[in-house]
Amino acid sequence: MPSVYQLFRRDNGASPFLQTVDRQLCQELDLPFDEKEWVADWHNHIGFMLAIGKSFPQITNTIKKNIAEWQEKGKTDYVEWSYTLLRINHFLHEHYTVDAWKEWK
């Protein structure tokens, strides 16, 4: 049974396509846009956590915990990437609400 989520804009309640959200993230956070890949792979990490019912603050805590672990291990690439995920999660939390559910087949 898949876990899914949908984002809704806080300002008007609209639910844009996730590709539109990705483009907005890139513009607002000055990140490189690629039509074939999610910026910082946010959809597969933050999106997955949203789909299984995690809140934006819970996701922030998870990312911060990962940063601490990777800093201890000297994995600077993962630390850098995780700071980008933190920025993305913060932006999403400021501008969107989320609805998540499981689809029963």
N, C-alpha and C. Protein backbone atom coordinates (compact mmCIF):
# COMPACT_ATOMS: atom_id res chain seq x y z
N MET A 1 0.84 -1.16 0.00
CA MET A 1 0.00 0.00 0.00
C MET A 1 0.90 1.23 0.00
N PRO A 2 0.78 2.07 -1.01
CA PRO A 2 1.64 3.25 -1.11
C PRO A 2 1.23 4.35 -0.13
N SER A 3 2.22 5.04 0.36
CA SER A 3 2.02 6.25 1.16
C SER A 3 2.22 7.43 0.23
N VAL A 4 1.29 8.37 0.25
CA VAL A 4 1.36 9.51 -0.66
C VAL A 4 1.15 10.80 0.12
N TYR A 5 1.48 11.91 -0.52
CA TYR A 5 1.27 13.21 0.11
C TYR A 5 0.95 14.24 -0.95
N GLN A 6 0.38 15.34 -0.48
CA GLN A 6 0.04 16.45 -1.36
C GLN A 6 0.32 17.75 -0.59
N LEU A 7 0.96 18.69 -1.28
CA LEU A 7 1.26 19.99 -0.68
C LEU A 7 0.19 21.00 -1.08
N PHE A 8 -0.13 21.89 -0.14
CA PHE A 8 -1.09 22.96 -0.38
C PHE A 8 -0.46 24.29 0.02
N ARG A 9 -0.56 25.26 -0.86
CA ARG A 9 0.01 26.59 -0.58
C ARG A 9 -0.71 27.21 0.61
N ARG A 10 0.06 27.80 1.51
CA ARG A 10 -0.54 28.46 2.67
C ARG A 10 -1.31 29.72 2.28
N ASP A 11 -0.88 30.40 1.23
CA ASP A 11 -1.50 31.68 0.88
C ASP A 11 -2.85 31.54 0.18
N ASN A 12 -3.06 30.45 -0.57
CA ASN A 12 -4.32 30.35 -1.30
C ASN A 12 -4.92 28.94 -1.33
N GLY A 13 -4.28 27.97 -0.68
CA GLY A 13 -4.81 26.61 -0.62
C GLY A 13 -4.64 25.78 -1.89
N ALA A 14 -4.03 26.36 -2.92
CA ALA A 14 -3.83 25.62 -4.17
C ALA A 14 -2.82 24.49 -3.96
N SER A 15 -2.98 23.45 -4.77
CA SER A 15 -2.06 22.32 -4.71
C SER A 15 -1.32 22.21 -6.04
N PRO A 16 -0.13 22.79 -6.12
CA PRO A 16 0.60 22.75 -7.38
C PRO A 16 1.22 21.38 -7.64
N PHE A 17 1.57 21.14 -8.90
CA PHE A 17 2.34 19.95 -9.22
C PHE A 17 3.66 20.02 -8.48
N LEU A 18 4.19 18.88 -8.08
CA LEU A 18 5.47 18.88 -7.36
C LEU A 18 6.61 19.42 -8.22
N GLN A 19 6.52 19.27 -9.52
CA GLN A 19 7.54 19.84 -10.40
C GLN A 19 7.53 21.37 -10.30
N THR A 20 6.36 21.95 -10.12
CA THR A 20 6.24 23.40 -9.93
C THR A 20 6.87 23.80 -8.60
N VAL A 21 6.64 23.01 -7.57
CA VAL A 21 7.26 23.26 -6.26
C VAL A 21 8.77 23.18 -6.39
N ASP A 22 9.27 22.19 -7.11
CA ASP A 22 10.70 22.02 -7.31
C ASP A 22 11.31 23.26 -7.99
N ARG A 23 10.65 23.73 -9.02
CA ARG A 23 11.13 24.93 -9.73
C ARG A 23 11.13 26.14 -8.78
N GLN A 24 10.08 26.27 -7.97
CA GLN A 24 9.99 27.38 -7.02
C GLN A 24 11.11 27.29 -5.98
N LEU A 25 11.38 26.10 -5.50
CA LEU A 25 12.48 25.90 -4.54
C LEU A 25 13.79 26.41 -5.13
N CYS A 26 14.04 26.03 -6.35
CA CYS A 26 15.29 26.43 -7.01
C CYS A 26 15.38 27.94 -7.16
N GLN A 27 14.28 28.57 -7.56
CA GLN A 27 14.28 30.02 -7.74
C GLN A 27 14.45 30.74 -6.41
N GLU A 28 13.69 30.34 -5.42
CA GLU A 28 13.69 31.05 -4.13
C GLU A 28 14.97 30.81 -3.32
N LEU A 29 15.54 29.62 -3.44
CA LEU A 29 16.72 29.28 -2.65
C LEU A 29 18.02 29.35 -3.45
N ASP A 30 17.92 29.84 -4.68
CA ASP A 30 19.08 29.99 -5.56
C ASP A 30 19.84 28.67 -5.72
N LEU A 31 19.08 27.64 -6.10
CA LEU A 31 19.64 26.30 -6.32
C LEU A 31 19.50 25.96 -7.80
N PRO A 32 20.36 25.09 -8.32
CA PRO A 32 20.29 24.74 -9.74
C PRO A 32 19.04 23.91 -10.05
N PHE A 33 18.36 24.24 -11.13
CA PHE A 33 17.16 23.51 -11.55
C PHE A 33 17.52 22.51 -12.63
N ASP A 34 16.95 21.31 -12.53
CA ASP A 34 17.13 20.27 -13.53
C ASP A 34 15.76 19.64 -13.77
N GLU A 35 15.29 19.66 -15.00
CA GLU A 35 13.96 19.12 -15.30
C GLU A 35 13.84 17.63 -15.05
N LYS A 36 14.96 16.92 -14.97
CA LYS A 36 14.92 15.47 -14.83
C LYS A 36 15.20 14.97 -13.42
N GLU A 37 15.65 15.85 -12.53
CA GLU A 37 15.97 15.42 -11.16
C GLU A 37 15.45 16.44 -10.16
N TRP A 38 15.00 15.95 -9.00
CA TRP A 38 14.56 16.83 -7.92
C TRP A 38 15.79 17.50 -7.32
N VAL A 39 15.71 18.77 -7.03
CA VAL A 39 16.84 19.47 -6.43
C VAL A 39 17.16 18.82 -5.07
N ALA A 40 18.40 18.48 -4.89
CA ALA A 40 18.90 17.81 -3.66
C ALA A 40 18.12 16.54 -3.35
N ASP A 41 17.43 16.00 -4.35
CA ASP A 41 16.65 14.77 -4.18
C ASP A 41 15.62 14.91 -3.05
N TRP A 42 15.09 16.14 -2.88
CA TRP A 42 14.19 16.43 -1.75
C TRP A 42 12.94 15.56 -1.77
N HIS A 43 12.39 15.30 -2.94
CA HIS A 43 11.13 14.54 -3.02
C HIS A 43 11.30 13.12 -2.48
N ASN A 44 12.45 12.53 -2.71
CA ASN A 44 12.70 11.16 -2.25
C ASN A 44 13.09 11.09 -0.77
N HIS A 45 13.37 12.22 -0.17
CA HIS A 45 13.75 12.23 1.25
C HIS A 45 12.69 12.96 2.07
N ILE A 46 12.56 14.27 1.86
CA ILE A 46 11.53 15.02 2.59
C ILE A 46 10.15 14.53 2.18
N GLY A 47 9.94 14.35 0.88
CA GLY A 47 8.65 13.88 0.39
C GLY A 47 8.26 12.54 0.99
N PHE A 48 9.21 11.62 1.07
CA PHE A 48 8.93 10.31 1.66
C PHE A 48 8.53 10.46 3.12
N MET A 49 9.27 11.27 3.86
CA MET A 49 8.94 11.45 5.28
C MET A 49 7.57 12.09 5.46
N LEU A 50 7.22 13.04 4.59
CA LEU A 50 5.88 13.62 4.64
C LEU A 50 4.82 12.56 4.35
N ALA A 51 5.09 11.71 3.37
CA ALA A 51 4.12 10.69 2.97
C ALA A 51 3.84 9.68 4.08
N ILE A 52 4.83 9.42 4.92
CA ILE A 52 4.60 8.47 6.01
C ILE A 52 4.13 9.16 7.29
N GLY A 53 3.80 10.45 7.16
CA GLY A 53 3.16 11.15 8.27
C GLY A 53 4.05 12.00 9.16
N LYS A 54 5.31 12.18 8.79
CA LYS A 54 6.19 13.04 9.59
C LYS A 54 5.84 14.51 9.34
N SER A 55 5.95 15.31 10.39
CA SER A 55 5.70 16.74 10.26
C SER A 55 6.98 17.45 9.83
N PHE A 56 6.86 18.68 9.38
CA PHE A 56 8.05 19.44 9.01
C PHE A 56 9.03 19.56 10.18
N PRO A 57 8.55 19.86 11.42
CA PRO A 57 9.50 19.91 12.54
C PRO A 57 10.18 18.56 12.81
N GLN A 58 9.45 17.47 12.66
CA GLN A 58 10.07 16.15 12.85
C GLN A 58 11.14 15.90 11.80
N ILE A 59 10.87 16.33 10.58
CA ILE A 59 11.85 16.17 9.50
C ILE A 59 13.09 17.00 9.79
N THR A 60 12.90 18.22 10.28
CA THR A 60 14.04 19.06 10.67
C THR A 60 14.89 18.34 11.70
N ASN A 61 14.26 17.76 12.71
CA ASN A 61 15.01 17.05 13.75
C ASN A 61 15.77 15.86 13.18
N THR A 62 15.16 15.13 12.28
CA THR A 62 15.83 13.98 11.64
C THR A 62 17.05 14.44 10.86
N ILE A 63 16.89 15.50 10.08
CA ILE A 63 18.01 15.99 9.26
C ILE A 63 19.14 16.48 10.17
N LYS A 64 18.80 17.19 11.24
CA LYS A 64 19.84 17.68 12.17
C LYS A 64 20.58 16.52 12.83
N LYS A 65 19.86 15.47 13.18
CA LYS A 65 20.49 14.28 13.76
C LYS A 65 21.46 13.66 12.74
N ASN A 66 21.02 13.56 11.49
CA ASN A 66 21.88 13.02 10.44
C ASN A 66 23.14 13.88 10.25
N ILE A 67 22.96 15.18 10.29
CA ILE A 67 24.11 16.09 10.15
C ILE A 67 25.14 15.81 11.24
N ALA A 68 24.68 15.69 12.46
CA ALA A 68 25.60 15.44 13.58
C ALA A 68 26.35 14.12 13.38
N GLU A 69 25.64 13.09 12.96
CA GLU A 69 26.27 11.79 12.74
C GLU A 69 27.30 11.86 11.61
N TRP A 70 26.95 12.54 10.53
CA TRP A 70 27.86 12.62 9.39
C TRP A 70 29.05 13.52 9.68
N GLN A 71 28.85 14.53 10.51
CA GLN A 71 29.99 15.37 10.90
C GLN A 71 31.00 14.55 11.69
N GLU A 72 30.50 13.71 12.60
CA GLU A 72 31.38 12.83 13.38
C GLU A 72 32.18 11.90 12.48
N LYS A 73 31.57 11.46 11.40
CA LYS A 73 32.22 10.52 10.48
C LYS A 73 33.03 11.24 9.40
N GLY A 74 33.00 12.56 9.40
CA GLY A 74 33.77 13.32 8.42
C GLY A 74 33.19 13.28 7.01
N LYS A 75 31.91 13.01 6.88
CA LYS A 75 31.27 12.92 5.56
C LYS A 75 30.75 14.30 5.15
N THR A 76 31.67 15.15 4.72
CA THR A 76 31.33 16.54 4.43
C THR A 76 30.33 16.70 3.29
N ASP A 77 30.37 15.81 2.29
CA ASP A 77 29.40 15.91 1.20
C ASP A 77 27.98 15.70 1.72
N TYR A 78 27.80 14.72 2.60
CA TYR A 78 26.48 14.45 3.17
C TYR A 78 26.03 15.61 4.06
N VAL A 79 26.97 16.20 4.79
CA VAL A 79 26.65 17.34 5.66
C VAL A 79 26.16 18.50 4.80
N GLU A 80 26.88 18.82 3.74
CA GLU A 80 26.49 19.90 2.84
C GLU A 80 25.11 19.66 2.24
N TRP A 81 24.89 18.46 1.75
CA TRP A 81 23.61 18.08 1.17
C TRP A 81 22.49 18.21 2.21
N SER A 82 22.77 17.79 3.43
CA SER A 82 21.75 17.85 4.48
C SER A 82 21.39 19.28 4.85
N TYR A 83 22.36 20.18 4.81
CA TYR A 83 22.05 21.59 5.06
C TYR A 83 21.14 22.14 3.95
N THR A 84 21.33 21.67 2.74
CA THR A 84 20.42 22.06 1.66
C THR A 84 19.02 21.51 1.92
N LEU A 85 18.93 20.26 2.36
CA LEU A 85 17.63 19.70 2.71
C LEU A 85 16.96 20.49 3.83
N LEU A 86 17.74 20.94 4.80
CA LEU A 86 17.18 21.78 5.88
C LEU A 86 16.57 23.05 5.32
N ARG A 87 17.27 23.70 4.41
CA ARG A 87 16.75 24.92 3.79
C ARG A 87 15.47 24.63 3.02
N ILE A 88 15.45 23.53 2.29
CA ILE A 88 14.27 23.16 1.52
C ILE A 88 13.09 22.87 2.47
N ASN A 89 13.34 22.09 3.51
CA ASN A 89 12.29 21.76 4.46
C ASN A 89 11.74 23.02 5.13
N HIS A 90 12.61 23.94 5.48
CA HIS A 90 12.18 25.20 6.09
C HIS A 90 11.29 25.98 5.12
N PHE A 91 11.71 26.07 3.87
CA PHE A 91 10.92 26.77 2.87
C PHE A 91 9.55 26.11 2.70
N LEU A 92 9.53 24.79 2.58
CA LEU A 92 8.26 24.09 2.43
C LEU A 92 7.35 24.33 3.62
N HIS A 93 7.90 24.29 4.82
CA HIS A 93 7.12 24.51 6.04
C HIS A 93 6.54 25.93 6.06
N GLU A 94 7.30 26.90 5.61
CA GLU A 94 6.82 28.29 5.59
C GLU A 94 5.71 28.51 4.57
N HIS A 95 5.77 27.81 3.45
CA HIS A 95 4.88 28.12 2.33
C HIS A 95 3.80 27.08 2.03
N TYR A 96 3.88 25.91 2.66
CA TYR A 96 2.94 24.84 2.34
C TYR A 96 2.45 24.12 3.59
N THR A 97 1.24 23.58 3.48
CA THR A 97 0.76 22.58 4.43
C THR A 97 0.78 21.25 3.68
N VAL A 98 0.57 20.17 4.41
CA VAL A 98 0.66 18.86 3.76
C VAL A 98 -0.49 17.98 4.22
N ASP A 99 -0.93 17.13 3.32
CA ASP A 99 -1.89 16.08 3.63
C ASP A 99 -1.25 14.79 3.17
N ALA A 100 -1.24 13.78 4.04
CA ALA A 100 -0.63 12.49 3.71
C ALA A 100 -1.63 11.37 4.01
N TRP A 101 -1.58 10.31 3.22
CA TRP A 101 -2.47 9.19 3.42
C TRP A 101 -1.88 7.93 2.77
N LYS A 102 -2.49 6.81 3.10
CA LYS A 102 -2.12 5.54 2.49
C LYS A 102 -3.22 5.15 1.50
N GLU A 103 -2.80 4.68 0.36
CA GLU A 103 -3.77 4.22 -0.63
C GLU A 103 -3.93 2.72 -0.51
N TRP A 104 -5.14 2.29 -0.28
CA TRP A 104 -5.44 0.87 -0.15
C TRP A 104 -5.85 0.34 -1.51
N LYS A 105 -5.21 -0.70 -1.94
CA LYS A 105 -5.53 -1.29 -3.26
C LYS A 105 -6.18 -2.64 -3.07
